[in-house]
Amino acid sequence: MADHERRALDKKRVAEMKRDLNPAQLDTLRDLEMLGWSLKFVRNKPFAPAMPVVVDPSGEKHALLEEDGTLNEHPPFTIRP
């Protein structure tokens, strides 16, 4: 797959994940993106709020965006690299 096709798919996937975020989470995510962080995945469990996970520019540090938009650097679950 060509790089431009892969980037287009990545942008589409991120846009789809962002639909699960509430306004407070989106505001925090926008601020973090200006610092190089990115949305890695959104953990969805039945009957529970979305749990978006972000990663720092180095790809080493992960954090959870809480419902109120705060950043939880010690999420209640293990994130595998």
Protein backbone atom coordinates (compact mmCIF):
# COMPACT_ATOMS: atom_id res chain seq x y z
CA MET A 1 0.00 0.00 0.00
CA ALA A 2 1.34 3.42 -0.89
CA ASP A 3 2.17 5.85 1.92
CA HIS A 4 -0.48 8.36 0.84
CA GLU A 5 -3.15 5.63 0.94
CA ARG A 6 -2.01 4.52 4.40
CA ARG A 7 -2.08 8.10 5.70
CA ALA A 8 -5.60 8.56 4.30
CA LEU A 9 -6.74 5.38 6.07
CA ASP A 10 -5.09 6.50 9.33
CA LYS A 11 -6.85 9.88 9.16
CA LYS A 12 -10.18 8.16 8.53
CA ARG A 13 -9.62 5.77 11.45
CA VAL A 14 -8.73 8.63 13.80
CA ALA A 15 -11.79 10.61 12.66
CA GLU A 16 -13.97 7.59 13.41
CA MET A 17 -12.44 7.21 16.89
CA LYS A 18 -12.94 10.91 17.66
CA ARG A 19 -16.70 10.46 17.18
CA ASP A 20 -16.75 8.50 20.45
CA LEU A 21 -15.25 11.40 22.44
CA ASN A 22 -17.26 14.00 24.33
CA PRO A 23 -16.57 17.76 24.02
CA ALA A 24 -14.27 17.89 27.09
CA GLN A 25 -12.17 15.00 25.77
CA LEU A 26 -12.00 16.57 22.30
CA ASP A 27 -10.81 19.89 23.77
CA THR A 28 -8.03 18.17 25.70
CA LEU A 29 -7.10 16.05 22.69
CA ARG A 30 -6.75 19.18 20.51
CA ASP A 31 -4.40 20.70 23.09
CA LEU A 32 -2.36 17.49 23.31
CA GLU A 33 -2.15 17.19 19.51
CA MET A 34 -0.48 20.62 19.42
CA LEU A 35 2.20 19.10 21.68
CA GLY A 36 2.66 16.09 19.41
CA TRP A 37 0.43 13.59 21.24
CA SER A 38 -2.00 11.48 19.21
CA LEU A 39 -5.09 9.37 19.74
CA LYS A 40 -3.97 5.74 19.82
CA PHE A 41 -7.26 3.89 20.36
CA VAL A 42 -10.61 4.13 22.10
CA ARG A 43 -11.55 1.33 24.45
CA ASN A 44 -15.28 0.69 24.26
CA LYS A 45 -17.08 -1.56 26.71
CA PRO A 46 -20.82 -2.21 26.69
CA PHE A 47 -22.77 0.19 28.91
CA ALA A 48 -19.62 2.16 29.78
CA PRO A 49 -18.26 5.48 28.54
CA ALA A 50 -15.58 5.50 25.86
CA MET A 51 -12.01 5.36 27.19
CA PRO A 52 -9.72 7.18 24.72
CA VAL A 53 -6.00 6.45 25.04
CA VAL A 54 -3.40 8.92 23.79
CA VAL A 55 0.31 8.46 23.18
CA ASP A 56 3.16 10.96 23.41
CA PRO A 57 5.37 11.80 20.40
CA SER A 58 8.00 9.23 21.40
CA GLY A 59 5.36 6.48 21.50
CA GLU A 60 6.52 5.45 24.96
CA LYS A 61 4.07 7.20 27.29
CA HIS A 62 0.34 6.44 27.20
CA ALA A 63 -2.47 8.17 29.06
CA LEU A 64 -6.24 7.96 29.36
CA LEU A 65 -8.53 10.92 28.61
CA GLU A 66 -11.09 10.89 31.41
CA GLU A 67 -14.73 11.87 30.81
CA ASP A 68 -14.11 15.36 32.23
CA GLY A 69 -11.17 15.90 29.86
CA THR A 70 -8.42 15.38 32.44
CA LEU A 71 -5.38 13.34 31.54
CA ASN A 72 -4.86 10.16 33.59
CA GLU A 73 -1.28 9.00 33.21
CA HIS A 74 -2.01 5.91 35.32
CA PRO A 75 -5.06 4.28 33.69
CA PRO A 76 -6.86 1.44 35.50
CA PHE A 77 -5.78 -1.08 32.87
CA THR A 78 -2.53 -2.22 31.26
CA ILE A 79 -1.60 -0.80 27.88
CA ARG A 80 0.64 -3.06 25.85
CA PRO A 81 3.14 -1.44 23.45
